[in-house]
PDB file of N, CA and C in Angstrom:
ATOM      1  N   UNK A   1      27.577   4.810  18.291  1.00  0.00           N
ATOM      2  CA  UNK A   1      27.253   3.414  18.127  1.00  0.00           C
ATOM      3  C   UNK A   1      28.517   2.619  17.819  1.00  0.00           C
ATOM      4  N   UNK A   2      29.411   3.179  17.041  1.00  0.00           N
ATOM      5  CA  UNK A   2      30.670   2.503  16.723  1.00  0.00           C
ATOM      6  C   UNK A   2      31.488   2.288  17.989  1.00  0.00           C
ATOM      7  N   UNK A   3      31.451   3.274  18.879  1.00  0.00           N
ATOM      8  CA  UNK A   3      32.171   3.150  20.153  1.00  0.00           C
ATOM      9  C   UNK A   3      31.603   2.002  20.973  1.00  0.00           C
ATOM     10  N   UNK A   4      30.305   1.865  20.972  1.00  0.00           N
ATOM     11  CA  UNK A   4      29.665   0.781  21.715  1.00  0.00           C
ATOM     12  C   UNK A   4      30.138  -0.572  21.191  1.00  0.00           C
ATOM     13  N   UNK A   5      30.257  -0.704  19.875  1.00  0.00           N
ATOM     14  CA  UNK A   5      30.740  -1.959  19.289  1.00  0.00           C
ATOM     15  C   UNK A   5      32.176  -2.235  19.717  1.00  0.00           C
ATOM     16  N   UNK A   6      33.001  -1.197  19.740  1.00  0.00           N
ATOM     17  CA  UNK A   6      34.392  -1.361  20.168  1.00  0.00           C
ATOM     18  C   UNK A   6      34.459  -1.810  21.629  1.00  0.00           C
ATOM     19  N   UNK A   7      33.594  -1.245  22.447  1.00  0.00           N
ATOM     20  CA  UNK A   7      33.564  -1.603  23.868  1.00  0.00           C
ATOM     21  C   UNK A   7      33.202  -3.076  24.033  1.00  0.00           C
ATOM     22  N   UNK A   8      32.198  -3.514  23.286  1.00  0.00           N
ATOM     23  CA  UNK A   8      31.777  -4.917  23.369  1.00  0.00           C
ATOM     24  C   UNK A   8      32.901  -5.824  22.894  1.00  0.00           C
ATOM     25  N   UNK A   9      33.548  -5.469  21.803  1.00  0.00           N
ATOM     26  CA  UNK A   9      34.648  -6.296  21.289  1.00  0.00           C
ATOM     27  C   UNK A   9      35.793  -6.376  22.296  1.00  0.00           C
ATOM     28  N   UNK A  10      36.104  -5.286  22.931  1.00  0.00           N
ATOM     29  CA  UNK A  10      37.171  -5.273  23.931  1.00  0.00           C
ATOM     30  C   UNK A  10      36.760  -6.097  25.151  1.00  0.00           C
ATOM     31  N   UNK A  11      35.503  -5.989  25.515  1.00  0.00           N
ATOM     32  CA  UNK A  11      35.012  -6.752  26.671  1.00  0.00           C
ATOM     33  C   UNK A  11      35.140  -8.254  26.438  1.00  0.00           C
ATOM     34  N   UNK A  12      34.904  -8.690  25.200  1.00  0.00           N
ATOM     35  CA  UNK A  12      35.002 -10.113  24.888  1.00  0.00           C
ATOM     36  C   UNK A  12      36.366 -10.679  25.276  1.00  0.00           C
ATOM     37  N   UNK A  13      37.413  -9.883  25.145  1.00  0.00           N
ATOM     38  CA  UNK A  13      38.769 -10.328  25.467  1.00  0.00           C
ATOM     39  C   UNK A  13      38.985 -10.454  26.971  1.00  0.00           C
ATOM     40  N   UNK A  14      38.212  -9.698  27.745  1.00  0.00           N
ATOM     41  CA  UNK A  14      38.439  -9.614  29.189  1.00  0.00           C
ATOM     42  C   UNK A  14      37.199  -9.956  30.015  1.00  0.00           C
ATOM     43  N   UNK A  15      36.263 -10.694  29.452  1.00  0.00           N
ATOM     44  CA  UNK A  15      34.975 -10.920  30.111  1.00  0.00           C
ATOM     45  C   UNK A  15      35.080 -11.695  31.420  1.00  0.00           C
ATOM     46  N   UNK A  16      36.165 -12.395  31.657  1.00  0.00           N
ATOM     47  CA  UNK A  16      36.306 -13.155  32.897  1.00  0.00           C
ATOM     48  C   UNK A  16      36.978 -12.354  34.003  1.00  0.00           C
ATOM     49  N   UNK A  17      37.291 -11.116  33.735  1.00  0.00           N
ATOM     50  CA  UNK A  17      37.931 -10.260  34.728  1.00  0.00           C
ATOM     51  C   UNK A  17      36.870  -9.400  35.417  1.00  0.00           C
ATOM     52  N   UNK A  18      36.855  -9.473  36.728  1.00  0.00           N
ATOM     53  CA  UNK A  18      35.835  -8.775  37.511  1.00  0.00           C
ATOM     54  C   UNK A  18      35.766  -7.287  37.242  1.00  0.00           C
ATOM     55  N   UNK A  19      36.919  -6.639  37.125  1.00  0.00           N
ATOM     56  CA  UNK A  19      36.938  -5.197  36.888  1.00  0.00           C
ATOM     57  C   UNK A  19      36.273  -4.857  35.561  1.00  0.00           C
ATOM     58  N   UNK A  20      36.581  -5.616  34.518  1.00  0.00           N
ATOM     59  CA  UNK A  20      35.955  -5.374  33.227  1.00  0.00           C
ATOM     60  C   UNK A  20      34.449  -5.595  33.293  1.00  0.00           C
ATOM     61  N   UNK A  21      34.019  -6.597  34.047  1.00  0.00           N
ATOM     62  CA  UNK A  21      32.589  -6.850  34.187  1.00  0.00           C
ATOM     63  C   UNK A  21      31.903  -5.657  34.838  1.00  0.00           C
ATOM     64  N   UNK A  22      32.505  -5.133  35.891  1.00  0.00           N
ATOM     65  CA  UNK A  22      31.919  -3.995  36.588  1.00  0.00           C
ATOM     66  C   UNK A  22      31.865  -2.763  35.694  1.00  0.00           C
ATOM     67  N   UNK A  23      32.949  -2.523  34.979  1.00  0.00           N
ATOM     68  CA  UNK A  23      33.000  -1.365  34.079  1.00  0.00           C
ATOM     69  C   UNK A  23      31.960  -1.508  32.974  1.00  0.00           C
ATOM     70  N   UNK A  24      31.829  -2.710  32.437  1.00  0.00           N
ATOM     71  CA  UNK A  24      30.850  -2.938  31.372  1.00  0.00           C
ATOM     72  C   UNK A  24      29.436  -2.683  31.873  1.00  0.00           C
ATOM     73  N   UNK A  25      29.133  -3.128  33.087  1.00  0.00           N
ATOM     74  CA  UNK A  25      27.809  -2.885  33.661  1.00  0.00           C
ATOM     75  C   UNK A  25      27.536  -1.388  33.777  1.00  0.00           C
ATOM     76  N   UNK A  26      28.543  -0.633  34.227  1.00  0.00           N
ATOM     77  CA  UNK A  26      28.394   0.815  34.342  1.00  0.00           C
ATOM     78  C   UNK A  26      28.183   1.464  32.983  1.00  0.00           C
ATOM     79  N   UNK A  27      28.975   1.054  32.008  1.00  0.00           N
ATOM     80  CA  UNK A  27      28.877   1.639  30.674  1.00  0.00           C
ATOM     81  C   UNK A  27      27.513   1.367  30.058  1.00  0.00           C
ATOM     82  N   UNK A  28      27.075   0.135  30.136  1.00  0.00           N
ATOM     83  CA  UNK A  28      25.778  -0.226  29.551  1.00  0.00           C
ATOM     84  C   UNK A  28      24.657   0.507  30.268  1.00  0.00           C
ATOM     85  N   UNK A  29      24.732   0.591  31.601  1.00  0.00           N
ATOM     86  CA  UNK A  29      23.695   1.303  32.354  1.00  0.00           C
ATOM     87  C   UNK A  29      23.655   2.782  31.995  1.00  0.00           C
ATOM     88  N   UNK A  30      24.809   3.400  31.902  1.00  0.00           N
ATOM     89  CA  UNK A  30      24.876   4.835  31.621  1.00  0.00           C
ATOM     90  C   UNK A  30      24.515   5.153  30.179  1.00  0.00           C
ATOM     91  N   UNK A  31      24.671   4.195  29.296  1.00  0.00           N
ATOM     92  CA  UNK A  31      24.433   4.431  27.868  1.00  0.00           C
ATOM     93  C   UNK A  31      23.402   3.459  27.313  1.00  0.00           C
ATOM     94  N   UNK A  32      22.392   3.184  28.109  1.00  0.00           N
ATOM     95  CA  UNK A  32      21.420   2.166  27.713  1.00  0.00           C
ATOM     96  C   UNK A  32      20.742   2.485  26.383  1.00  0.00           C
ATOM     97  N   UNK A  33      20.487   3.752  26.121  1.00  0.00           N
ATOM     98  CA  UNK A  33      19.832   4.128  24.871  1.00  0.00           C
ATOM     99  C   UNK A  33      20.700   3.770  23.672  1.00  0.00           C
ATOM    100  N   UNK A  34      21.972   4.035  23.770  1.00  0.00           N
ATOM    101  CA  UNK A  34      22.898   3.708  22.679  1.00  0.00           C
ATOM    102  C   UNK A  34      22.914   2.212  22.430  1.00  0.00           C
ATOM    103  N   UNK A  35      22.966   1.444  23.506  1.00  0.00           N
ATOM    104  CA  UNK A  35      22.999  -0.001  23.343  1.00  0.00           C
ATOM    105  C   UNK A  35      21.657  -0.535  22.835  1.00  0.00           C
ATOM    106  N   UNK A  36      20.568   0.123  23.205  1.00  0.00           N
ATOM    107  CA  UNK A  36      19.258  -0.287  22.697  1.00  0.00           C
ATOM    108  C   UNK A  36      19.154  -0.036  21.195  1.00  0.00           C
ATOM    109  N   UNK A  37      19.743   1.086  20.764  1.00  0.00           N
ATOM    110  CA  UNK A  37      19.675   1.445  19.347  1.00  0.00           C
ATOM    111  C   UNK A  37      20.502   0.509  18.478  1.00  0.00           C
ATOM    112  N   UNK A  38      21.493  -0.042  19.035  1.00  0.00           N
ATOM    113  CA  UNK A  38      22.382  -0.916  18.260  1.00  0.00           C
ATOM    114  C   UNK A  38      21.783  -2.310  18.175  1.00  0.00           C
ATOM    115  N   UNK A  39      20.702  -2.433  17.427  1.00  0.00           N
ATOM    116  CA  UNK A  39      19.981  -3.708  17.353  1.00  0.00           C
ATOM    117  C   UNK A  39      20.866  -4.842  16.859  1.00  0.00           C
ATOM    118  N   UNK A  40      21.776  -4.516  15.994  1.00  0.00           N
ATOM    119  CA  UNK A  40      22.656  -5.577  15.493  1.00  0.00           C
ATOM    120  C   UNK A  40      23.544  -6.112  16.603  1.00  0.00           C
ATOM    121  N   UNK A  41      23.720  -5.315  17.640  1.00  0.00           N
ATOM    122  CA  UNK A  41      24.546  -5.745  18.760  1.00  0.00           C
ATOM    123  C   UNK A  41      23.778  -6.633  19.723  1.00  0.00           C
ATOM    124  N   UNK A  42      22.465  -6.595  19.667  1.00  0.00           N
ATOM    125  CA  UNK A  42      21.664  -7.362  20.618  1.00  0.00           C
ATOM    126  C   UNK A  42      22.043  -8.832  20.602  1.00  0.00           C
ATOM    127  N   UNK A  43      22.119  -9.390  19.414  1.00  0.00           N
ATOM    128  CA  UNK A  43      22.469 -10.810  19.323  1.00  0.00           C
ATOM    129  C   UNK A  43      23.892 -11.030  19.834  1.00  0.00           C
ATOM    130  N   UNK A  44      24.804 -10.120  19.497  1.00  0.00           N
ATOM    131  CA  UNK A  44      26.185 -10.250  19.958  1.00  0.00           C
ATOM    132  C   UNK A  44      26.242 -10.170  21.479  1.00  0.00           C
ATOM    133  N   UNK A  45      25.472  -9.268  22.065  1.00  0.00           N
ATOM    134  CA  UNK A  45      25.444  -9.154  23.527  1.00  0.00           C
ATOM    135  C   UNK A  45      24.853 -10.407  24.162  1.00  0.00           C
ATOM    136  N   UNK A  46      23.799 -10.939  23.558  1.00  0.00           N
ATOM    137  CA  UNK A  46      23.208 -12.171  24.083  1.00  0.00           C
ATOM    138  C   UNK A  46      24.233 -13.292  24.076  1.00  0.00           C
ATOM    139  N   UNK A  47      24.939 -13.421  22.953  1.00  0.00           N
ATOM    140  CA  UNK A  47      25.950 -14.469  22.855  1.00  0.00           C
ATOM    141  C   UNK A  47      27.081 -14.224  23.842  1.00  0.00           C
ATOM    142  N   UNK A  48      27.464 -12.977  23.969  1.00  0.00           N
ATOM    143  CA  UNK A  48      28.552 -12.612  24.856  1.00  0.00           C
ATOM    144  C   UNK A  48      28.227 -12.949  26.305  1.00  0.00           C
ATOM    145  N   UNK A  49      27.013 -12.675  26.716  1.00  0.00           N
ATOM    146  CA  UNK A  49      26.622 -12.882  28.104  1.00  0.00           C
ATOM    147  C   UNK A  49      25.925 -14.213  28.354  1.00  0.00           C
ATOM    148  N   UNK A  50      25.667 -14.979  27.306  1.00  0.00           N
ATOM    149  CA  UNK A  50      24.927 -16.233  27.438  1.00  0.00           C
ATOM    150  C   UNK A  50      25.560 -17.161  28.480  1.00  0.00           C
ATOM    151  N   UNK A  51      26.849 -17.363  28.374  1.00  0.00           N
ATOM    152  CA  UNK A  51      27.520 -18.274  29.305  1.00  0.00           C
ATOM    153  C   UNK A  51      27.410 -17.775  30.743  1.00  0.00           C
ATOM    154  N   UNK A  52      27.581 -16.473  30.934  1.00  0.00           N
ATOM    155  CA  UNK A  52      27.452 -15.910  32.279  1.00  0.00           C
ATOM    156  C   UNK A  52      26.042 -16.104  32.825  1.00  0.00           C
ATOM    157  N   UNK A  53      25.032 -15.850  31.988  1.00  0.00           N
ATOM    158  CA  UNK A  53      23.652 -16.014  32.423  1.00  0.00           C
ATOM    159  C   UNK A  53      23.342 -17.470  32.723  1.00  0.00           C
ATOM    160  N   UNK A  54      23.855 -18.369  31.906  1.00  0.00           N
ATOM    161  CA  UNK A  54      23.606 -19.791  32.127  1.00  0.00           C
ATOM    162  C   UNK A  54      24.235 -20.251  33.437  1.00  0.00           C
ATOM    163  N   UNK A  55      25.456 -19.794  33.711  1.00  0.00           N
ATOM    164  CA  UNK A  55      26.111 -20.159  34.968  1.00  0.00           C
ATOM    165  C   UNK A  55      25.327 -19.619  36.154  1.00  0.00           C
ATOM    166  N   UNK A  56      24.906 -18.370  36.057  1.00  0.00           N
ATOM    167  CA  UNK A  56      24.147 -17.754  37.141  1.00  0.00           C
ATOM    168  C   UNK A  56      22.814 -18.469  37.350  1.00  0.00           C
ATOM    169  N   UNK A  57      22.139 -18.790  36.253  1.00  0.00           N
ATOM    170  CA  UNK A  57      20.864 -19.502  36.341  1.00  0.00           C
ATOM    171  C   UNK A  57      21.059 -20.857  37.002  1.00  0.00           C
ATOM    172  N   UNK A  58      22.105 -21.584  36.595  1.00  0.00           N
ATOM    173  CA  UNK A  58      22.360 -22.907  37.160  1.00  0.00           C
ATOM    174  C   UNK A  58      22.651 -22.805  38.655  1.00  0.00           C
ATOM    175  N   UNK A  59      23.413 -21.812  39.045  1.00  0.00           N
ATOM    176  CA  UNK A  59      23.718 -21.609  40.461  1.00  0.00           C
ATOM    177  C   UNK A  59      22.440 -21.356  41.251  1.00  0.00           C
ATOM    178  N   UNK A  60      21.582 -20.507  40.732  1.00  0.00           N
ATOM    179  CA  UNK A  60      20.310 -20.195  41.402  1.00  0.00           C
ATOM    180  C   UNK A  60      19.420 -21.434  41.450  1.00  0.00           C
ATOM    181  N   UNK A  61      19.363 -22.188  40.348  1.00  0.00           N
ATOM    182  CA  UNK A  61      18.529 -23.386  40.287  1.00  0.00           C
ATOM    183  C   UNK A  61      18.978 -24.425  41.314  1.00  0.00           C
ATOM    184  N   UNK A  62      20.278 -24.639  41.404  1.00  0.00           N
ATOM    185  CA  UNK A  62      20.812 -25.609  42.363  1.00  0.00           C
ATOM    186  C   UNK A  62      20.535 -25.154  43.789  1.00  0.00           C
ATOM    187  N   UNK A  63      20.711 -23.867  44.039  1.00  0.00           N
ATOM    188  CA  UNK A  63      20.475 -23.335  45.380  1.00  0.00           C
ATOM    189  C   UNK A  63      19.002 -23.466  45.770  1.00  0.00           C
ATOM    190  N   UNK A  64      18.101 -23.169  44.850  1.00  0.00           N
ATOM    191  CA  UNK A  64      16.670 -23.290  45.135  1.00  0.00           C
ATOM    192  C   UNK A  64      16.271 -24.740  45.349  1.00  0.00           C
ATOM    193  N   UNK A  65      16.865 -25.652  44.585  1.00  0.00           N
ATOM    194  CA  UNK A  65      16.596 -27.079  44.774  1.00  0.00           C
ATOM    195  C   UNK A  65      17.051 -27.503  46.167  1.00  0.00           C
ATOM    196  N   UNK A  66      18.253 -27.059  46.545  1.00  0.00           N
ATOM    197  CA  UNK A  66      18.790 -27.399  47.868  1.00  0.00           C
ATOM    198  C   UNK A  66      17.901 -26.831  48.974  1.00  0.00           C
ATOM    199  N   UNK A  67      17.404 -25.612  48.768  1.00  0.00           N
ATOM    200  CA  UNK A  67      16.522 -25.016  49.774  1.00  0.00           C
ATOM    201  C   UNK A  67      15.226 -25.810  49.895  1.00  0.00           C
ATOM    202  N   UNK A  68      14.696 -26.278  48.772  1.00  0.00           N
ATOM    203  CA  UNK A  68      13.486 -27.096  48.819  1.00  0.00           C
ATOM    204  C   UNK A  68      13.728 -28.402  49.557  1.00  0.00           C
ATOM    205  N   UNK A  69      14.849 -29.026  49.289  1.00  0.00           N
ATOM    206  CA  UNK A  69      15.212 -30.268  49.967  1.00  0.00           C
ATOM    207  C   UNK A  69      15.413 -30.007  51.464  1.00  0.00           C
ATOM    208  N   UNK A  70      16.096 -28.900  51.776  1.00  0.00           N
ATOM    209  CA  UNK A  70      16.334 -28.542  53.179  1.00  0.00           C
ATOM    210  C   UNK A  70      15.010 -28.300  53.898  1.00  0.00           C
ATOM    211  N   UNK A  71      14.081 -27.629  53.236  1.00  0.00           N
ATOM    212  CA  UNK A  71      12.775 -27.375  53.833  1.00  0.00           C
ATOM    213  C   UNK A  71      12.028 -28.655  54.128  1.00  0.00           C
ATOM    214  N   UNK A  72      12.105 -29.603  53.199  1.00  0.00           N
ATOM    215  CA  UNK A  72      11.450 -30.902  53.417  1.00  0.00           C
ATOM    216  C   UNK A  72      12.068 -31.651  54.589  1.00  0.00           C
ATOM    217  N   UNK A  73      13.390 -31.626  54.676  1.00  0.00           N
ATOM    218  CA  UNK A  73      14.087 -32.297  55.768  1.00  0.00           C
ATOM    219  C   UNK A  73      13.661 -31.708  57.110  1.00  0.00           C
ATOM    220  N   UNK A  74      13.676 -30.401  57.208  1.00  0.00           N
ATOM    221  CA  UNK A  74      13.288 -29.733  58.457  1.00  0.00           C
ATOM    222  C   UNK A  74      11.838 -30.035  58.805  1.00  0.00           C
ATOM    223  N   UNK A  75      10.973 -29.966  57.814  1.00  0.00           N
ATOM    224  CA  UNK A  75       9.550 -30.240  58.054  1.00  0.00           C
ATOM    225  C   UNK A  75       9.342 -31.666  58.565  1.00  0.00           C
ATOM    226  N   UNK A  76       9.999 -32.626  57.935  1.00  0.00           N
ATOM    227  CA  UNK A  76       9.847 -34.025  58.361  1.00  0.00           C
ATOM    228  C   UNK A  76      10.352 -34.240  59.781  1.00  0.00           C
ATOM    229  N   UNK A  77      11.497 -33.670  60.088  1.00  0.00           N
ATOM    230  CA  UNK A  77      12.055 -33.828  61.437  1.00  0.00           C
ATOM    231  C   UNK A  77      11.164 -33.139  62.468  1.00  0.00           C
ATOM    232  N   UNK A  78      10.732 -31.928  62.153  1.00  0.00           N
ATOM    233  CA  UNK A  78       9.861 -31.207  63.088  1.00  0.00           C
ATOM    234  C   UNK A  78       8.538 -31.938  63.306  1.00  0.00           C
ATOM    235  N   UNK A  79       8.003 -32.550  62.252  1.00  0.00           N
ATOM    236  CA  UNK A  79       6.767 -33.329  62.402  1.00  0.00           C
ATOM    237  C   UNK A  79       6.961 -34.499  63.354  1.00  0.00           C
ATOM    238  N   UNK A  80       8.090 -35.180  63.217  1.00  0.00           N
ATOM    239  CA  UNK A  80       8.367 -36.300  64.127  1.00  0.00           C
ATOM    240  C   UNK A  80       8.495 -35.804  65.575  1.00  0.00           C
ATOM    241  N   UNK A  81       9.191 -34.707  65.751  1.00  0.00           N
ATOM    242  CA  UNK A  81       9.368 -34.148  67.101  1.00  0.00           C
ATOM    243  C   UNK A  81       8.014 -33.777  67.696  1.00  0.00           C
ATOM    244  N   UNK A  82       7.203 -33.060  66.923  1.00  0.00           N
ATOM    245  CA  UNK A  82       5.912 -32.572  67.426  1.00  0.00           C
ATOM    246  C   UNK A  82       4.868 -33.678  67.578  1.00  0.00           C
ATOM    247  N   UNK A  83       4.804 -34.584  66.622  1.00  0.00           N
ATOM    248  CA  UNK A  83       3.773 -35.617  66.651  1.00  0.00           C
ATOM    249  C   UNK A  83       4.088 -36.788  67.577  1.00  0.00           C
ATOM    250  N   UNK A  84       5.376 -37.117  67.674  1.00  0.00           N
ATOM    251  CA  UNK A  84       5.743 -38.259  68.498  1.00  0.00           C
ATOM    252  C   UNK A  84       6.390 -37.851  69.824  1.00  0.00           C
ATOM    253  N   UNK A  85       6.688 -36.580  69.941  1.00  0.00           N
ATOM    254  CA  UNK A  85       7.298 -36.089  71.181  1.00  0.00           C
ATOM    255  C   UNK A  85       8.698 -36.644  71.420  1.00  0.00           C
ATOM    256  N   UNK A  86       9.429 -36.878  70.341  1.00  0.00           N
ATOM    257  CA  UNK A  86      10.778 -37.421  70.493  1.00  0.00           C
ATOM    258  C   UNK A  86      11.814 -36.310  70.360  1.00  0.00           C
ATOM    259  N   UNK A  87      13.038 -36.622  70.708  1.00  0.00           N
ATOM    260  CA  UNK A  87      14.111 -35.626  70.664  1.00  0.00           C
ATOM    261  C   UNK A  87      14.553 -35.376  69.221  1.00  0.00           C
ATOM    262  N   UNK A  88      15.258 -34.285  69.028  1.00  0.00           N
ATOM    263  CA  UNK A  88      15.804 -33.957  67.718  1.00  0.00           C
ATOM    264  C   UNK A  88      16.712 -35.084  67.230  1.00  0.00           C
ATOM    265  N   UNK A  89      17.542 -35.567  68.112  1.00  0.00           N
ATOM    266  CA  UNK A  89      18.474 -36.645  67.743  1.00  0.00           C
ATOM    267  C   UNK A  89      17.725 -37.888  67.267  1.00  0.00           C
ATOM    268  N   UNK A  90      16.697 -38.282  68.004  1.00  0.00           N
ATOM    269  CA  UNK A  90      15.918 -39.467  67.635  1.00  0.00           C
ATOM    270  C   UNK A  90      15.131 -39.257  66.345  1.00  0.00           C
ATOM    271  N   UNK A  91      14.619 -38.045  66.150  1.00  0.00           N
ATOM    272  CA  UNK A  91      13.877 -37.740  64.922  1.00  0.00           C
ATOM    273  C   UNK A  91      14.810 -37.813  63.717  1.00  0.00           C
ATOM    274  N   UNK A  92      15.998 -37.258  63.865  1.00  0.00           N
ATOM    275  CA  UNK A  92      16.979 -37.312  62.777  1.00  0.00           C
ATOM    276  C   UNK A  92      17.352 -38.750  62.460  1.00  0.00           C
ATOM    277  N   UNK A  93      17.611 -39.502  63.487  1.00  0.00           N
ATOM    278  CA  UNK A  93      17.989 -40.904  63.312  1.00  0.00           C
ATOM    279  C   UNK A  93      16.868 -41.689  62.642  1.00  0.00           C
ATOM    280  N   UNK A  94      15.629 -41.390  62.992  1.00  0.00           N
ATOM    281  CA  UNK A  94      14.481 -42.116  62.448  1.00  0.00           C
ATOM    282  C   UNK A  94      14.359 -41.952  60.935  1.00  0.00           C
ATOM    283  N   UNK A  95      14.779 -40.809  60.401  1.00  0.00           N
ATOM    284  CA  UNK A  95      14.682 -40.617  58.950  1.00  0.00           C
ATOM    285  C   UNK A  95      16.030 -40.792  58.252  1.00  0.00           C
ATOM    286  N   UNK A  96      17.012 -41.260  59.002  1.00  0.00           N
ATOM    287  CA  UNK A  96      18.316 -41.523  58.399  1.00  0.00           C
ATOM    288  C   UNK A  96      19.128 -40.283  58.142  1.00  0.00           C
ATOM    289  N   UNK A  97      18.949 -39.291  58.982  1.00  0.00           N
ATOM    290  CA  UNK A  97      19.688 -38.042  58.844  1.00  0.00           C
ATOM    291  C   UNK A  97      20.509 -37.817  60.109  1.00  0.00           C
ATOM    292  N   UNK A  98      21.055 -36.623  60.235  1.00  0.00           N
ATOM    293  CA  UNK A  98      21.836 -36.288  61.424  1.00  0.00           C
ATOM    294  C   UNK A  98      21.453 -34.899  61.906  1.00  0.00           C
ATOM    295  N   UNK A  99      21.787 -34.622  63.146  1.00  0.00           N
ATOM    296  CA  UNK A  99      21.522 -33.294  63.700  1.00  0.00           C
ATOM    297  C   UNK A  99      22.318 -32.253  62.909  1.00  0.00           C
ATOM    298  N   UNK A 100      23.520 -32.620  62.479  1.00  0.00           N
ATOM    299  CA  UNK A 100      24.341 -31.696  61.689  1.00  0.00           C
ATOM    300  C   UNK A 100      23.649 -31.326  60.379  1.00  0.00           C
ATOM    301  N   UNK A 101      23.047 -32.318  59.715  1.00  0.00           N
ATOM    302  CA  UNK A 101      22.319 -32.048  58.471  1.00  0.00           C
ATOM    303  C   UNK A 101      21.121 -31.138  58.729  1.00  0.00           C
ATOM    304  N   UNK A 102      20.447 -31.371  59.839  1.00  0.00           N
ATOM    305  CA  UNK A 102      19.304 -30.533  60.227  1.00  0.00           C
ATOM    306  C   UNK A 102      19.761 -29.091  60.422  1.00  0.00           C
ATOM    307  N   UNK A 103      20.864 -28.901  61.141  1.00  0.00           N
ATOM    308  CA  UNK A 103      21.387 -27.552  61.398  1.00  0.00           C
ATOM    309  C   UNK A 103      21.849 -26.878  60.107  1.00  0.00           C
ATOM    310  N   UNK A 104      22.494 -27.642  59.236  1.00  0.00           N
ATOM    311  CA  UNK A 104      22.923 -27.094  57.941  1.00  0.00           C
ATOM    312  C   UNK A 104      21.725 -26.679  57.103  1.00  0.00           C
ATOM    313  N   UNK A 105      20.677 -27.474  57.139  1.00  0.00           N
ATOM    314  CA  UNK A 105      19.460 -27.150  56.391  1.00  0.00           C
ATOM    315  C   UNK A 105      18.850 -25.845  56.902  1.00  0.00           C
ATOM    316  N   UNK A 106      18.835 -25.683  58.219  1.00  0.00           N
ATOM    317  CA  UNK A 106      18.301 -24.446  58.800  1.00  0.00           C
ATOM    318  C   UNK A 106      19.124 -23.241  58.351  1.00  0.00           C
ATOM    319  N   UNK A 107      20.445 -23.381  58.351  1.00  0.00           N
ATOM    320  CA  UNK A 107      21.320 -22.278  57.921  1.00  0.00           C
ATOM    321  C   UNK A 107      21.076 -21.938  56.463  1.00  0.00           C
ATOM    322  N   UNK A 108      20.918 -22.958  55.613  1.00  0.00           N
ATOM    323  CA  UNK A 108      20.677 -22.733  54.209  1.00  0.00           C
ATOM    324  C   UNK A 108      19.397 -21.938  53.993  1.00  0.00           C
ATOM    325  N   UNK A 109      18.368 -22.246  54.755  1.00  0.00           N
ATOM    326  CA  UNK A 109      17.096 -21.541  54.594  1.00  0.00           C
ATOM    327  C   UNK A 109      17.150 -20.119  55.136  1.00  0.00           C
ATOM    328  N   UNK A 110      18.086 -19.833  56.005  1.00  0.00           N
ATOM    329  CA  UNK A 110      18.225 -18.481  56.548  1.00  0.00           C
ATOM    330  C   UNK A 110      18.912 -17.537  55.565  1.00  0.00           C
ATOM    331  N   UNK A 111      19.605 -18.087  54.572  1.00  0.00           N
ATOM    332  CA  UNK A 111      20.329 -17.240  53.593  1.00  0.00           C
ATOM    333  C   UNK A 111      19.392 -16.476  52.711  1.00  0.00           C
TER     334      UNK A 111
END
């Protein structure tokens, strides 16, 4: 358990380095029981990883919002094309968008 605390303390110094992040993930995975037993470390680990989790959550939230917006854009343009029988260019123009935005939205949804 003392070793686990030392590992966490050392990680704090290098948490922005990709190699240290990968090594820490391996160590925690391989020694999950030890880290589970160290209840006093739970709060320290939460604090240590809080910023990383918040950044990751924000990235996912923004991406999902963009996908929702992209889906709405595509749906609106496709409705105009199907219901009015107009071209993609005219449908985009009618809603104040562009063919490039339509194509970008499609690519975003394919990810």
